[in-house]
């Protein structure tokens, strides 16, 4: 019989370039949450003026190019929001 699991999902960003947050099922946003297996999380990246969102990475591997990324986690993980200087 499989037991219920909970995963810690954390986000970070270079604060000089933008911010990152995570929320479970539309709840309150924070930098880190514990989520029960099978529940969805949403990562949100917000660039500061002069920057643009590039992607979300996990273990240095790109996972999404969408600033708002929703998924159902299957393990504990740290996600990083990456930004770049906006070019005109």
C-alpha atoms as a PDB file:
ATOM      1  CA  UNK A   1       0.000   0.000   0.000  1.00  0.00           C
ATOM      2  CA  UNK A   2       1.404   3.379  -1.028  1.00  0.00           C
ATOM      3  CA  UNK A   3       1.705   6.025   1.674  1.00  0.00           C
ATOM      4  CA  UNK A   4       0.892   9.668   1.133  1.00  0.00           C
ATOM      5  CA  UNK A   5       3.896  11.899   0.443  1.00  0.00           C
ATOM      6  CA  UNK A   6       4.568  15.594   0.735  1.00  0.00           C
ATOM      7  CA  UNK A   7       7.154  17.514  -1.252  1.00  0.00           C
ATOM      8  CA  UNK A   8       8.895  20.803  -0.556  1.00  0.00           C
ATOM      9  CA  UNK A   9       8.887  23.138  -3.551  1.00  0.00           C
ATOM     10  CA  UNK A  10      11.107  26.227  -3.253  1.00  0.00           C
ATOM     11  CA  UNK A  11      11.735  29.112  -5.626  1.00  0.00           C
ATOM     12  CA  UNK A  12      14.445  31.729  -5.915  1.00  0.00           C
ATOM     13  CA  UNK A  13      15.531  34.562  -8.187  1.00  0.00           C
ATOM     14  CA  UNK A  14      18.240  37.205  -8.372  1.00  0.00           C
ATOM     15  CA  UNK A  15      16.483  39.952  -6.386  1.00  0.00           C
ATOM     16  CA  UNK A  16      18.140  42.673  -8.472  1.00  0.00           C
ATOM     17  CA  UNK A  17      16.417  41.278 -11.585  1.00  0.00           C
ATOM     18  CA  UNK A  18      13.019  40.097 -10.377  1.00  0.00           C
ATOM     19  CA  UNK A  19      11.066  37.964  -7.934  1.00  0.00           C
ATOM     20  CA  UNK A  20       9.709  34.425  -7.713  1.00  0.00           C
ATOM     21  CA  UNK A  21       6.880  32.843  -5.757  1.00  0.00           C
ATOM     22  CA  UNK A  22       5.093  29.510  -5.468  1.00  0.00           C
ATOM     23  CA  UNK A  23       1.544  28.729  -4.411  1.00  0.00           C
ATOM     24  CA  UNK A  24      -0.502  25.573  -3.920  1.00  0.00           C
ATOM     25  CA  UNK A  25      -3.946  25.377  -5.534  1.00  0.00           C
ATOM     26  CA  UNK A  26      -4.310  29.172  -5.736  1.00  0.00           C
ATOM     27  CA  UNK A  27      -3.453  29.718  -2.064  1.00  0.00           C
ATOM     28  CA  UNK A  28      -1.075  32.249  -0.545  1.00  0.00           C
ATOM     29  CA  UNK A  29       2.215  32.891  -2.393  1.00  0.00           C
ATOM     30  CA  UNK A  30       5.569  32.297  -0.698  1.00  0.00           C
ATOM     31  CA  UNK A  31       9.163  31.253  -1.413  1.00  0.00           C
ATOM     32  CA  UNK A  32       8.666  27.668  -0.241  1.00  0.00           C
ATOM     33  CA  UNK A  33       5.691  25.368   0.254  1.00  0.00           C
ATOM     34  CA  UNK A  34       4.999  21.790   1.231  1.00  0.00           C
ATOM     35  CA  UNK A  35       2.551  20.130  -1.112  1.00  0.00           C
ATOM     36  CA  UNK A  36       0.784  16.802  -0.750  1.00  0.00           C
ATOM     37  CA  UNK A  37       1.266  14.297  -3.542  1.00  0.00           C
ATOM     38  CA  UNK A  38      -1.196  14.864  -6.369  1.00  0.00           C
ATOM     39  CA  UNK A  39      -1.789  18.574  -5.679  1.00  0.00           C
ATOM     40  CA  UNK A  40      -0.789  21.249  -8.189  1.00  0.00           C
ATOM     41  CA  UNK A  41       1.585  24.162  -7.627  1.00  0.00           C
ATOM     42  CA  UNK A  42       2.039  27.364  -9.616  1.00  0.00           C
ATOM     43  CA  UNK A  43       5.371  29.153  -9.929  1.00  0.00           C
ATOM     44  CA  UNK A  44       5.225  32.863 -10.780  1.00  0.00           C
ATOM     45  CA  UNK A  45       8.168  34.997 -11.910  1.00  0.00           C
ATOM     46  CA  UNK A  46       7.954  38.796 -12.060  1.00  0.00           C
ATOM     47  CA  UNK A  47      10.791  40.739 -13.718  1.00  0.00           C
ATOM     48  CA  UNK A  48      11.889  44.139 -12.468  1.00  0.00           C
ATOM     49  CA  UNK A  49      11.858  47.107 -14.819  1.00  0.00           C
ATOM     50  CA  UNK A  50      14.500  46.689 -17.512  1.00  0.00           C
ATOM     51  CA  UNK A  51      14.506  42.877 -17.277  1.00  0.00           C
ATOM     52  CA  UNK A  52      12.524  40.100 -18.940  1.00  0.00           C
ATOM     53  CA  UNK A  53      11.771  36.561 -17.830  1.00  0.00           C
ATOM     54  CA  UNK A  54      13.851  33.878 -19.600  1.00  0.00           C
ATOM     55  CA  UNK A  55      12.938  30.535 -18.008  1.00  0.00           C
ATOM     56  CA  UNK A  56      12.496  28.370 -14.937  1.00  0.00           C
ATOM     57  CA  UNK A  57      15.274  25.894 -14.193  1.00  0.00           C
ATOM     58  CA  UNK A  58      15.555  22.962 -11.794  1.00  0.00           C
ATOM     59  CA  UNK A  59      19.017  21.448 -11.200  1.00  0.00           C
ATOM     60  CA  UNK A  60      20.313  23.784 -13.938  1.00  0.00           C
ATOM     61  CA  UNK A  61      17.921  22.204 -16.465  1.00  0.00           C
ATOM     62  CA  UNK A  62      15.264  24.355 -18.199  1.00  0.00           C
ATOM     63  CA  UNK A  63      11.718  23.263 -17.329  1.00  0.00           C
ATOM     64  CA  UNK A  64       9.536  26.099 -18.662  1.00  0.00           C
ATOM     65  CA  UNK A  65       9.753  29.359 -20.607  1.00  0.00           C
ATOM     66  CA  UNK A  66       6.433  30.557 -19.180  1.00  0.00           C
ATOM     67  CA  UNK A  67       6.621  33.097 -16.325  1.00  0.00           C
ATOM     68  CA  UNK A  68       3.592  31.343 -14.803  1.00  0.00           C
ATOM     69  CA  UNK A  69       4.231  27.597 -14.663  1.00  0.00           C
ATOM     70  CA  UNK A  70       1.759  25.109 -13.150  1.00  0.00           C
ATOM     71  CA  UNK A  71       2.490  21.436 -12.557  1.00  0.00           C
ATOM     72  CA  UNK A  72       2.014  18.545 -10.136  1.00  0.00           C
ATOM     73  CA  UNK A  73       5.322  17.799  -8.402  1.00  0.00           C
ATOM     74  CA  UNK A  74       6.564  14.253  -7.822  1.00  0.00           C
ATOM     75  CA  UNK A  75       9.619  15.132  -5.712  1.00  0.00           C
ATOM     76  CA  UNK A  76      11.135  17.870  -3.548  1.00  0.00           C
ATOM     77  CA  UNK A  77      12.795  20.484  -5.759  1.00  0.00           C
ATOM     78  CA  UNK A  78      14.291  23.987  -5.975  1.00  0.00           C
ATOM     79  CA  UNK A  79      13.290  26.095  -8.987  1.00  0.00           C
ATOM     80  CA  UNK A  80      15.130  29.221 -10.136  1.00  0.00           C
ATOM     81  CA  UNK A  81      13.522  32.052 -12.107  1.00  0.00           C
ATOM     82  CA  UNK A  82      16.023  33.392 -14.649  1.00  0.00           C
ATOM     83  CA  UNK A  83      15.901  36.886 -16.099  1.00  0.00           C
ATOM     84  CA  UNK A  84      17.897  38.827 -18.689  1.00  0.00           C
ATOM     85  CA  UNK A  85      18.356  42.510 -19.446  1.00  0.00           C
ATOM     86  CA  UNK A  86      15.632  43.615 -21.854  1.00  0.00           C
ATOM     87  CA  UNK A  87      16.946  44.511 -25.287  1.00  0.00           C
ATOM     88  CA  UNK A  88      15.150  46.982 -27.482  1.00  0.00           C
END
